[in-house]
All heavy atoms as atom14 arrays in JSON, in Angstrom:
{
  "sequence": "SRVGLSARAALRCAERVEGAGVTLLTIHPALKAKLKPGWLDDLRRSTG",
  "atom14_mask": [
    [1, 1, 1, 1, 1, 1, 0, 0, 0, 0, 0, 0, 0, 0],
    [1, 1, 1, 1, 1, 1, 1, 1, 1, 1, 1, 0, 0, 0],
    [1, 1, 1, 1, 1, 1, 1, 0, 0, 0, 0, 0, 0, 0],
    [1, 1, 1, 1, 0, 0, 0, 0, 0, 0, 0, 0, 0, 0],
    [1, 1, 1, 1, 1, 1, 1, 1, 0, 0, 0, 0, 0, 0],
    [1, 1, 1, 1, 1, 1, 0, 0, 0, 0, 0, 0, 0, 0],
    [1, 1, 1, 1, 1, 0, 0, 0, 0, 0, 0, 0, 0, 0],
    [1, 1, 1, 1, 1, 1, 1, 1, 1, 1, 1, 0, 0, 0],
    [1, 1, 1, 1, 1, 0, 0, 0, 0, 0, 0, 0, 0, 0],
    [1, 1, 1, 1, 1, 0, 0, 0, 0, 0, 0, 0, 0, 0],
    [1, 1, 1, 1, 1, 1, 1, 1, 0, 0, 0, 0, 0, 0],
    [1, 1, 1, 1, 1, 1, 1, 1, 1, 1, 1, 0, 0, 0],
    [1, 1, 1, 1, 1, 1, 0, 0, 0, 0, 0, 0, 0, 0],
    [1, 1, 1, 1, 1, 0, 0, 0, 0, 0, 0, 0, 0, 0],
    [1, 1, 1, 1, 1, 1, 1, 1, 1, 0, 0, 0, 0, 0],
    [1, 1, 1, 1, 1, 1, 1, 1, 1, 1, 1, 0, 0, 0],
    [1, 1, 1, 1, 1, 1, 1, 0, 0, 0, 0, 0, 0, 0],
    [1, 1, 1, 1, 1, 1, 1, 1, 1, 0, 0, 0, 0, 0],
    [1, 1, 1, 1, 0, 0, 0, 0, 0, 0, 0, 0, 0, 0],
    [1, 1, 1, 1, 1, 0, 0, 0, 0, 0, 0, 0, 0, 0],
    [1, 1, 1, 1, 0, 0, 0, 0, 0, 0, 0, 0, 0, 0],
    [1, 1, 1, 1, 1, 1, 1, 0, 0, 0, 0, 0, 0, 0],
    [1, 1, 1, 1, 1, 1, 1, 0, 0, 0, 0, 0, 0, 0],
    [1, 1, 1, 1, 1, 1, 1, 1, 0, 0, 0, 0, 0, 0],
    [1, 1, 1, 1, 1, 1, 1, 1, 0, 0, 0, 0, 0, 0],
    [1, 1, 1, 1, 1, 1, 1, 0, 0, 0, 0, 0, 0, 0],
    [1, 1, 1, 1, 1, 1, 1, 1, 0, 0, 0, 0, 0, 0],
    [1, 1, 1, 1, 1, 1, 1, 1, 1, 1, 0, 0, 0, 0],
    [1, 1, 1, 1, 1, 1, 1, 0, 0, 0, 0, 0, 0, 0],
    [1, 1, 1, 1, 1, 0, 0, 0, 0, 0, 0, 0, 0, 0],
    [1, 1, 1, 1, 1, 1, 1, 1, 0, 0, 0, 0, 0, 0],
    [1, 1, 1, 1, 1, 1, 1, 1, 1, 0, 0, 0, 0, 0],
    [1, 1, 1, 1, 1, 0, 0, 0, 0, 0, 0, 0, 0, 0],
    [1, 1, 1, 1, 1, 1, 1, 1, 1, 0, 0, 0, 0, 0],
    [1, 1, 1, 1, 1, 1, 1, 1, 0, 0, 0, 0, 0, 0],
    [1, 1, 1, 1, 1, 1, 1, 1, 1, 0, 0, 0, 0, 0],
    [1, 1, 1, 1, 1, 1, 1, 0, 0, 0, 0, 0, 0, 0],
    [1, 1, 1, 1, 0, 0, 0, 0, 0, 0, 0, 0, 0, 0],
    [1, 1, 1, 1, 1, 1, 1, 1, 1, 1, 1, 1, 1, 1],
    [1, 1, 1, 1, 1, 1, 1, 1, 0, 0, 0, 0, 0, 0],
    [1, 1, 1, 1, 1, 1, 1, 1, 0, 0, 0, 0, 0, 0],
    [1, 1, 1, 1, 1, 1, 1, 1, 0, 0, 0, 0, 0, 0],
    [1, 1, 1, 1, 1, 1, 1, 1, 0, 0, 0, 0, 0, 0],
    [1, 1, 1, 1, 1, 1, 1, 1, 1, 1, 1, 0, 0, 0],
    [1, 1, 1, 1, 1, 1, 1, 1, 1, 1, 1, 0, 0, 0],
    [1, 1, 1, 1, 1, 1, 0, 0, 0, 0, 0, 0, 0, 0],
    [1, 1, 1, 1, 1, 1, 1, 0, 0, 0, 0, 0, 0, 0],
    [1, 1, 1, 1, 0, 0, 0, 0, 0, 0, 0, 0, 0, 0]
  ],
  "atom14_positions": [
    [[-35.36, -49.16, -188.1], [-36.33, -49.82, -188.99], [-35.7, -50.88, -189.88], [-36.04, -50.92, -191.02], [-36.99, -48.72, -189.91], [-37.54, -47.68, -189.13], [0.0, 0.0, 0.0], [0.0, 0.0, 0.0], [0.0, 0.0, 0.0], [0.0, 0.0, 0.0], [0.0, 0.0, 0.0], [0.0, 0.0, 0.0], [0.0, 0.0, 0.0], [0.0, 0.0, 0.0]],
    [[-34.85, -51.7, -189.22], [-34.13, -52.7, -190.06], [-35.14, -53.67, -190.63], [-34.91, -54.08, -191.82], [-33.15, -53.45, -189.16], [-32.25, -54.49, -189.95], [-31.24, -55.0, -189.05], [-30.17, -54.01, -188.76], [-29.08, -53.87, -189.65], [-28.85, -54.58, -190.67], [-28.17, -52.89, -189.25], [0.0, 0.0, 0.0], [0.0, 0.0, 0.0], [0.0, 0.0, 0.0]],
    [[-36.12, -54.14, -190.02], [-37.02, -55.04, -190.51], [-37.88, -54.46, -191.7], [-38.02, -55.13, -192.64], [-38.07, -55.53, -189.43], [-39.06, -56.49, -190.06], [-37.29, -56.25, -188.32], [0.0, 0.0, 0.0], [0.0, 0.0, 0.0], [0.0, 0.0, 0.0], [0.0, 0.0, 0.0], [0.0, 0.0, 0.0], [0.0, 0.0, 0.0], [0.0, 0.0, 0.0]],
    [[-38.25, -53.18, -191.53], [-38.9, -52.53, -192.57], [-38.08, -52.34, -193.82], [-38.51, -52.56, -194.96], [0.0, 0.0, 0.0], [0.0, 0.0, 0.0], [0.0, 0.0, 0.0], [0.0, 0.0, 0.0], [0.0, 0.0, 0.0], [0.0, 0.0, 0.0], [0.0, 0.0, 0.0], [0.0, 0.0, 0.0], [0.0, 0.0, 0.0], [0.0, 0.0, 0.0]],
    [[-36.91, -52.01, -193.62], [-35.88, -51.92, -194.77], [-35.74, -53.19, -195.49], [-35.7, -53.28, -196.71], [-34.6, -51.37, -194.3], [-34.45, -49.82, -194.06], [-33.18, -49.55, -193.13], [-34.43, -49.19, -195.34], [0.0, 0.0, 0.0], [0.0, 0.0, 0.0], [0.0, 0.0, 0.0], [0.0, 0.0, 0.0], [0.0, 0.0, 0.0], [0.0, 0.0, 0.0]],
    [[-35.53, -54.27, -194.64], [-35.34, -55.59, -195.22], [-36.52, -56.06, -196.05], [-36.39, -56.78, -197.01], [-34.96, -56.58, -194.16], [-33.74, -56.15, -193.47], [0.0, 0.0, 0.0], [0.0, 0.0, 0.0], [0.0, 0.0, 0.0], [0.0, 0.0, 0.0], [0.0, 0.0, 0.0], [0.0, 0.0, 0.0], [0.0, 0.0, 0.0], [0.0, 0.0, 0.0]],
    [[-37.72, -55.79, -195.49], [-38.92, -56.18, -196.24], [-39.01, -55.58, -197.59], [-39.4, -56.08, -198.61], [-40.16, -55.86, -195.38], [0.0, 0.0, 0.0], [0.0, 0.0, 0.0], [0.0, 0.0, 0.0], [0.0, 0.0, 0.0], [0.0, 0.0, 0.0], [0.0, 0.0, 0.0], [0.0, 0.0, 0.0], [0.0, 0.0, 0.0], [0.0, 0.0, 0.0]],
    [[-38.68, -54.24, -197.66], [-38.66, -53.45, -198.86], [-37.74, -53.98, -199.83], [-37.84, -54.06, -201.07], [-38.58, -52.03, -198.64], [-39.77, -51.25, -197.98], [-39.36, -49.99, -197.46], [-40.52, -49.17, -196.98], [-40.97, -49.25, -195.75], [-40.45, -50.15, -194.9], [-41.95, -48.47, -195.43], [0.0, 0.0, 0.0], [0.0, 0.0, 0.0], [0.0, 0.0, 0.0]],
    [[-36.55, -54.29, -199.3], [-35.45, -54.93, -200.1], [-35.76, -56.29, -200.75], [-35.39, -56.64, -201.83], [-34.11, -55.05, -199.21], [0.0, 0.0, 0.0], [0.0, 0.0, 0.0], [0.0, 0.0, 0.0], [0.0, 0.0, 0.0], [0.0, 0.0, 0.0], [0.0, 0.0, 0.0], [0.0, 0.0, 0.0], [0.0, 0.0, 0.0], [0.0, 0.0, 0.0]],
    [[-36.6, -57.03, -199.91], [-37.07, -58.3, -200.4], [-37.98, -58.09, -201.58], [-37.91, -58.85, -202.5], [-37.82, -59.1, -199.27], [0.0, 0.0, 0.0], [0.0, 0.0, 0.0], [0.0, 0.0, 0.0], [0.0, 0.0, 0.0], [0.0, 0.0, 0.0], [0.0, 0.0, 0.0], [0.0, 0.0, 0.0], [0.0, 0.0, 0.0], [0.0, 0.0, 0.0]],
    [[-38.8, -57.11, -201.52], [-39.74, -56.88, -202.65], [-39.11, -56.48, -203.91], [-39.35, -56.84, -205.05], [-40.78, -55.82, -202.27], [-41.74, -56.19, -201.2], [-42.72, -55.07, -200.84], [-42.54, -57.42, -201.66], [0.0, 0.0, 0.0], [0.0, 0.0, 0.0], [0.0, 0.0, 0.0], [0.0, 0.0, 0.0], [0.0, 0.0, 0.0], [0.0, 0.0, 0.0]],
    [[-37.94, -55.7, -203.63], [-37.03, -55.19, -204.87], [-36.37, -56.39, -205.48], [-36.3, -56.55, -206.66], [-36.03, -54.23, -204.36], [-35.22, -53.58, -205.38], [-34.29, -52.55, -205.02], [-33.62, -51.8, -205.96], [-32.55, -52.13, -206.61], [-31.95, -53.28, -206.09], [-32.05, -51.35, -207.63], [0.0, 0.0, 0.0], [0.0, 0.0, 0.0], [0.0, 0.0, 0.0]],
    [[-35.96, -57.28, -204.66], [-35.31, -58.62, -205.12], [-36.32, -59.36, -205.93], [-35.96, -59.97, -207.03], [-34.79, -59.38, -203.92], [-33.95, -60.89, -204.48], [0.0, 0.0, 0.0], [0.0, 0.0, 0.0], [0.0, 0.0, 0.0], [0.0, 0.0, 0.0], [0.0, 0.0, 0.0], [0.0, 0.0, 0.0], [0.0, 0.0, 0.0], [0.0, 0.0, 0.0]],
    [[-37.6, -59.4, -205.49], [-38.58, -60.19, -206.23], [-38.85, -59.51, -207.57], [-39.22, -60.19, -208.52], [-39.82, -60.33, -205.36], [0.0, 0.0, 0.0], [0.0, 0.0, 0.0], [0.0, 0.0, 0.0], [0.0, 0.0, 0.0], [0.0, 0.0, 0.0], [0.0, 0.0, 0.0], [0.0, 0.0, 0.0], [0.0, 0.0, 0.0], [0.0, 0.0, 0.0]],
    [[-38.87, -58.25, -207.57], [-39.13, -57.44, -208.79], [-38.18, -57.78, -209.96], [-38.46, -57.75, -211.1], [-39.16, -55.98, -208.56], [-40.52, -55.35, -208.23], [-40.45, -53.8, -208.23], [-39.68, -53.23, -207.51], [-41.28, -53.24, -208.96], [0.0, 0.0, 0.0], [0.0, 0.0, 0.0], [0.0, 0.0, 0.0], [0.0, 0.0, 0.0], [0.0, 0.0, 0.0]],
    [[-36.93, -58.0, -209.45], [-35.84, -58.16, -210.49], [-35.6, -59.5, -210.96], [-34.9, -59.77, -212.01], [-34.5, -57.67, -209.79], [-34.52, -56.25, -209.39], [-33.1, -55.9, -208.84], [-32.1, -55.69, -209.75], [-31.87, -54.52, -210.44], [-32.49, -53.46, -210.12], [-30.85, -54.45, -211.27], [0.0, 0.0, 0.0], [0.0, 0.0, 0.0], [0.0, 0.0, 0.0]],
    [[-36.39, -60.55, -210.44], [-36.38, -61.94, -211.02], [-37.26, -61.84, -212.21], [-38.31, -61.3, -212.37], [-36.94, -62.84, -209.97], [-36.97, -64.26, -210.55], [-36.1, -62.91, -208.65], [0.0, 0.0, 0.0], [0.0, 0.0, 0.0], [0.0, 0.0, 0.0], [0.0, 0.0, 0.0], [0.0, 0.0, 0.0], [0.0, 0.0, 0.0], [0.0, 0.0, 0.0]],
    [[-36.67, -62.61, -213.26], [-37.4, -62.57, -214.58], [-37.8, -64.01, -214.94], [-37.21, -65.0, -214.52], [-36.35, -61.98, -215.67], [-35.95, -60.59, -215.51], [-35.1, -60.16, -216.62], [-34.67, -60.92, -217.47], [-34.84, -58.89, -216.64], [0.0, 0.0, 0.0], [0.0, 0.0, 0.0], [0.0, 0.0, 0.0], [0.0, 0.0, 0.0], [0.0, 0.0, 0.0]],
    [[-38.79, -64.07, -215.7], [-39.34, -65.39, -216.12], [-40.91, -65.46, -216.0], [-41.49, -64.54, -215.49], [0.0, 0.0, 0.0], [0.0, 0.0, 0.0], [0.0, 0.0, 0.0], [0.0, 0.0, 0.0], [0.0, 0.0, 0.0], [0.0, 0.0, 0.0], [0.0, 0.0, 0.0], [0.0, 0.0, 0.0], [0.0, 0.0, 0.0], [0.0, 0.0, 0.0]],
    [[-41.39, -66.57, -216.48], [-42.82, -66.84, -216.41], [-43.22, -67.86, -215.37], [-42.38, -68.74, -215.1], [-43.31, -67.35, -217.74], [0.0, 0.0, 0.0], [0.0, 0.0, 0.0], [0.0, 0.0, 0.0], [0.0, 0.0, 0.0], [0.0, 0.0, 0.0], [0.0, 0.0, 0.0], [0.0, 0.0, 0.0], [0.0, 0.0, 0.0], [0.0, 0.0, 0.0]],
    [[-44.27, -67.54, -214.72], [-44.61, -68.5, -213.61], [-45.18, -67.66, -212.37], [-45.79, -66.64, -212.48], [0.0, 0.0, 0.0], [0.0, 0.0, 0.0], [0.0, 0.0, 0.0], [0.0, 0.0, 0.0], [0.0, 0.0, 0.0], [0.0, 0.0, 0.0], [0.0, 0.0, 0.0], [0.0, 0.0, 0.0], [0.0, 0.0, 0.0], [0.0, 0.0, 0.0]],
    [[-44.87, -68.23, -211.23], [-45.22, -67.49, -209.97], [-43.94, -67.15, -209.22], [-42.89, -67.84, -209.26], [-46.01, -68.51, -209.16], [-46.27, -67.92, -207.74], [-47.35, -68.86, -209.71], [0.0, 0.0, 0.0], [0.0, 0.0, 0.0], [0.0, 0.0, 0.0], [0.0, 0.0, 0.0], [0.0, 0.0, 0.0], [0.0, 0.0, 0.0], [0.0, 0.0, 0.0]],
    [[-43.98, -65.86, -208.7], [-42.78, -65.48, -207.79], [-42.85, -66.04, -206.5], [-43.87, -65.76, -205.74], [-42.8, -63.98, -207.71], [-42.82, -63.39, -209.14], [-41.55, -63.46, -206.96], [0.0, 0.0, 0.0], [0.0, 0.0, 0.0], [0.0, 0.0, 0.0], [0.0, 0.0, 0.0], [0.0, 0.0, 0.0], [0.0, 0.0, 0.0], [0.0, 0.0, 0.0]],
    [[-41.9, -66.87, -206.19], [-41.77, -67.48, -204.78], [-40.78, -66.73, -204.03], [-39.65, -66.7, -204.37], [-41.47, -68.94, -204.91], [-41.19, -69.63, -203.53], [-42.43, -69.52, -202.59], [-40.69, -71.02, -203.69], [0.0, 0.0, 0.0], [0.0, 0.0, 0.0], [0.0, 0.0, 0.0], [0.0, 0.0, 0.0], [0.0, 0.0, 0.0], [0.0, 0.0, 0.0]],
    [[-41.21, -66.08, -202.91], [-40.38, -65.25, -202.15], [-40.27, -65.89, -200.75], [-41.23, -65.88, -200.07], [-40.91, -63.76, -201.99], [-40.13, -62.82, -201.4], [-38.75, -62.58, -202.0], [-40.8, -61.42, -201.24], [0.0, 0.0, 0.0], [0.0, 0.0, 0.0], [0.0, 0.0, 0.0], [0.0, 0.0, 0.0], [0.0, 0.0, 0.0], [0.0, 0.0, 0.0]],
    [[-39.04, -66.31, -200.51], [-38.79, -66.93, -199.07], [-38.01, -65.95, -198.23], [-36.92, -65.53, -198.56], [-38.01, -68.2, -199.27], [-38.7, -69.01, -200.29], [-37.87, -68.9, -197.96], [0.0, 0.0, 0.0], [0.0, 0.0, 0.0], [0.0, 0.0, 0.0], [0.0, 0.0, 0.0], [0.0, 0.0, 0.0], [0.0, 0.0, 0.0], [0.0, 0.0, 0.0]],
    [[-38.54, -65.68, -197.04], [-38.0, -64.59, -196.15], [-38.14, -64.99, -194.73], [-38.75, -66.03, -194.43], [-38.77, -63.26, -196.5], [-40.28, -63.51, -196.22], [-38.48, -62.7, -197.71], [-41.07, -62.19, -196.27], [0.0, 0.0, 0.0], [0.0, 0.0, 0.0], [0.0, 0.0, 0.0], [0.0, 0.0, 0.0], [0.0, 0.0, 0.0], [0.0, 0.0, 0.0]],
    [[-37.49, -64.27, -193.87], [-37.58, -64.43, -192.43], [-39.05, -64.12, -192.0], [-39.66, -63.18, -192.56], [-36.53, -63.54, -191.74], [-36.51, -63.77, -190.21], [-37.47, -63.19, -189.37], [-35.55, -64.48, -189.51], [-37.11, -63.64, -188.07], [-36.01, -64.36, -188.18], [0.0, 0.0, 0.0], [0.0, 0.0, 0.0], [0.0, 0.0, 0.0], [0.0, 0.0, 0.0]],
    [[-39.61, -64.73, -191.06], [-41.01, -64.57, -190.64], [-41.24, -63.11, -190.27], [-42.37, -62.55, -190.49], [-41.21, -65.5, -189.41], [-40.24, -66.63, -189.63], [-39.06, -66.07, -190.28], [0.0, 0.0, 0.0], [0.0, 0.0, 0.0], [0.0, 0.0, 0.0], [0.0, 0.0, 0.0], [0.0, 0.0, 0.0], [0.0, 0.0, 0.0], [0.0, 0.0, 0.0]],
    [[-40.27, -62.39, -189.57], [-40.49, -61.02, -189.2], [-40.78, -60.18, -190.44], [-41.51, -59.14, -190.32], [-39.25, -60.48, -188.46], [0.0, 0.0, 0.0], [0.0, 0.0, 0.0], [0.0, 0.0, 0.0], [0.0, 0.0, 0.0], [0.0, 0.0, 0.0], [0.0, 0.0, 0.0], [0.0, 0.0, 0.0], [0.0, 0.0, 0.0], [0.0, 0.0, 0.0]],
    [[-40.27, -60.54, -191.6], [-40.4, -59.63, -192.76], [-41.87, -59.79, -193.3], [-42.42, -58.77, -193.78], [-39.48, -60.04, -193.85], [-38.1, -59.22, -193.88], [-37.34, -59.46, -192.53], [-37.18, -59.64, -195.04], [0.0, 0.0, 0.0], [0.0, 0.0, 0.0], [0.0, 0.0, 0.0], [0.0, 0.0, 0.0], [0.0, 0.0, 0.0], [0.0, 0.0, 0.0]],
    [[-42.42, -61.03, -193.15], [-43.73, -61.11, -193.73], [-44.78, -60.32, -192.95], [-45.67, -59.75, -193.62], [-44.13, -62.72, -193.55], [-45.46, -63.03, -194.15], [-45.79, -64.44, -194.01], [-47.22, -64.78, -194.61], [-47.58, -66.26, -194.59], [0.0, 0.0, 0.0], [0.0, 0.0, 0.0], [0.0, 0.0, 0.0], [0.0, 0.0, 0.0], [0.0, 0.0, 0.0]],
    [[-44.53, -60.0, -191.74], [-45.49, -59.18, -190.95], [-45.45, -57.78, -191.41], [-46.36, -56.99, -191.21], [-45.19, -59.39, -189.46], [0.0, 0.0, 0.0], [0.0, 0.0, 0.0], [0.0, 0.0, 0.0], [0.0, 0.0, 0.0], [0.0, 0.0, 0.0], [0.0, 0.0, 0.0], [0.0, 0.0, 0.0], [0.0, 0.0, 0.0], [0.0, 0.0, 0.0]],
    [[-44.38, -57.42, -192.08], [-44.16, -56.03, -192.55], [-44.7, -55.82, -194.0], [-44.86, -54.66, -194.48], [-42.69, -55.58, -192.49], [-42.22, -55.37, -191.04], [-42.75, -54.05, -190.5], [-42.03, -53.75, -189.15], [-42.51, -52.49, -188.54], [0.0, 0.0, 0.0], [0.0, 0.0, 0.0], [0.0, 0.0, 0.0], [0.0, 0.0, 0.0], [0.0, 0.0, 0.0]],
    [[-45.01, -56.81, -194.62], [-45.5, -56.75, -196.16], [-46.91, -56.32, -196.18], [-47.76, -57.15, -195.78], [-45.18, -58.04, -196.81], [-43.74, -58.54, -196.92], [-43.68, -59.86, -197.67], [-42.9, -57.56, -197.7], [0.0, 0.0, 0.0], [0.0, 0.0, 0.0], [0.0, 0.0, 0.0], [0.0, 0.0, 0.0], [0.0, 0.0, 0.0], [0.0, 0.0, 0.0]],
    [[-47.21, -55.14, -196.59], [-48.55, -54.64, -196.64], [-49.17, -55.17, -197.88], [-48.55, -55.47, -198.9], [-48.44, -53.1, -196.79], [-47.83, -52.39, -195.62], [-47.84, -50.89, -195.78], [-47.2, -50.18, -194.62], [-47.1, -48.75, -194.76], [0.0, 0.0, 0.0], [0.0, 0.0, 0.0], [0.0, 0.0, 0.0], [0.0, 0.0, 0.0], [0.0, 0.0, 0.0]],
    [[-50.41, -55.48, -197.75], [-51.2, -56.11, -198.92], [-51.06, -55.17, -200.21], [-50.9, -55.81, -201.25], [-52.65, -56.13, -198.43], [-52.55, -56.2, -197.02], [-51.32, -55.39, -196.56], [0.0, 0.0, 0.0], [0.0, 0.0, 0.0], [0.0, 0.0, 0.0], [0.0, 0.0, 0.0], [0.0, 0.0, 0.0], [0.0, 0.0, 0.0], [0.0, 0.0, 0.0]],
    [[-51.06, -53.91, -200.02], [-50.92, -53.02, -201.23], [-49.51, -53.2, -201.83], [-49.49, -53.09, -203.09], [0.0, 0.0, 0.0], [0.0, 0.0, 0.0], [0.0, 0.0, 0.0], [0.0, 0.0, 0.0], [0.0, 0.0, 0.0], [0.0, 0.0, 0.0], [0.0, 0.0, 0.0], [0.0, 0.0, 0.0], [0.0, 0.0, 0.0], [0.0, 0.0, 0.0]],
    [[-48.59, -53.48, -201.08], [-47.22, -53.66, -201.62], [-47.2, -54.9, -202.49], [-46.65, -55.03, -203.52], [-46.19, -53.84, -200.55], [-45.89, -52.53, -199.8], [-46.48, -51.35, -200.02], [-45.05, -52.37, -198.66], [-46.02, -50.44, -199.21], [-45.13, -51.06, -198.22], [-44.16, -53.2, -197.96], [-44.34, -50.5, -197.27], [-43.48, -52.67, -196.81], [-43.57, -51.32, -196.58]],
    [[-47.85, -55.97, -202.03], [-47.89, -57.21, -202.75], [-48.73, -57.03, -204.05], [-48.38, -57.64, -205.11], [-48.45, -58.41, -201.94], [-47.6, -58.72, -200.7], [-48.43, -59.8, -199.87], [-46.2, -59.2, -201.05], [0.0, 0.0, 0.0], [0.0, 0.0, 0.0], [0.0, 0.0, 0.0], [0.0, 0.0, 0.0], [0.0, 0.0, 0.0], [0.0, 0.0, 0.0]],
    [[-49.76, -56.29, -204.02], [-50.52, -55.96, -205.19], [-49.6, -55.19, -206.2], [-49.64, -55.47, -207.31], [-51.76, -55.16, -204.78], [-52.79, -55.94, -204.04], [-52.79, -57.17, -204.1], [-53.64, -55.32, -203.36], [0.0, 0.0, 0.0], [0.0, 0.0, 0.0], [0.0, 0.0, 0.0], [0.0, 0.0, 0.0], [0.0, 0.0, 0.0], [0.0, 0.0, 0.0]],
    [[-48.83, -54.21, -205.65], [-48.0, -53.51, -206.53], [-46.85, -54.4, -207.21], [-46.52, -54.24, -208.4], [-47.16, -52.46, -205.76], [-48.04, -51.21, -205.31], [-49.16, -51.11, -205.94], [-47.75, -50.61, -204.43], [0.0, 0.0, 0.0], [0.0, 0.0, 0.0], [0.0, 0.0, 0.0], [0.0, 0.0, 0.0], [0.0, 0.0, 0.0], [0.0, 0.0, 0.0]],
    [[-46.49, -55.49, -206.38], [-45.53, -56.38, -207.04], [-46.11, -57.24, -208.07], [-45.42, -57.46, -209.08], [-44.9, -57.37, -205.89], [-43.91, -58.39, -206.26], [-42.7, -57.82, -206.83], [-43.58, -59.2, -205.08], [0.0, 0.0, 0.0], [0.0, 0.0, 0.0], [0.0, 0.0, 0.0], [0.0, 0.0, 0.0], [0.0, 0.0, 0.0], [0.0, 0.0, 0.0]],
    [[-47.3, -57.57, -207.87], [-48.06, -58.39, -208.93], [-48.21, -57.5, -210.25], [-47.9, -58.09, -211.29], [-49.36, -58.84, -208.39], [-49.33, -59.82, -207.3], [-50.63, -60.37, -206.93], [-50.63, -61.29, -205.81], [-50.68, -60.94, -204.49], [-51.06, -59.73, -204.12], [-50.61, -61.86, -203.57], [0.0, 0.0, 0.0], [0.0, 0.0, 0.0], [0.0, 0.0, 0.0]],
    [[-48.57, -56.27, -210.06], [-48.69, -55.4, -211.27], [-47.4, -55.16, -211.88], [-47.27, -55.18, -213.16], [-49.4, -54.03, -210.83], [-50.82, -54.22, -210.52], [-51.52, -52.87, -210.4], [-51.06, -52.18, -209.22], [-51.68, -52.21, -208.03], [-52.78, -52.95, -207.89], [-51.16, -51.53, -206.96], [0.0, 0.0, 0.0], [0.0, 0.0, 0.0], [0.0, 0.0, 0.0]],
    [[-46.34, -54.91, -211.14], [-45.0, -54.68, -211.67], [-44.48, -55.82, -212.51], [-43.79, -55.64, -213.48], [-44.07, -54.35, -210.55], [-42.76, -54.1, -211.0], [0.0, 0.0, 0.0], [0.0, 0.0, 0.0], [0.0, 0.0, 0.0], [0.0, 0.0, 0.0], [0.0, 0.0, 0.0], [0.0, 0.0, 0.0], [0.0, 0.0, 0.0], [0.0, 0.0, 0.0]],
    [[-44.66, -57.03, -211.99], [-44.06, -58.25, -212.65], [-44.98, -58.94, -213.58], [-44.52, -59.73, -214.39], [-43.48, -59.2, -211.49], [-44.68, -59.66, -210.8], [-42.52, -58.48, -210.54], [0.0, 0.0, 0.0], [0.0, 0.0, 0.0], [0.0, 0.0, 0.0], [0.0, 0.0, 0.0], [0.0, 0.0, 0.0], [0.0, 0.0, 0.0], [0.0, 0.0, 0.0]],
    [[-46.29, -58.78, -213.47], [-47.25, -59.49, -214.22], [-47.33, -61.0, -213.75], [-47.88, -61.79, -214.44], [0.0, 0.0, 0.0], [0.0, 0.0, 0.0], [0.0, 0.0, 0.0], [0.0, 0.0, 0.0], [0.0, 0.0, 0.0], [0.0, 0.0, 0.0], [0.0, 0.0, 0.0], [0.0, 0.0, 0.0], [0.0, 0.0, 0.0], [0.0, 0.0, 0.0]]
  ]
}
């Protein structure tokens, strides 16, 4: 499950970025397919 692990690690990396604005997450295309809509909603709530 390397792709799934890497997708989750990408979200963790995005969570740890600080500042005001929009979180821009640049990843390999294979990871994007693994990002569930609910995970992205959780990221928005977590970071504001």
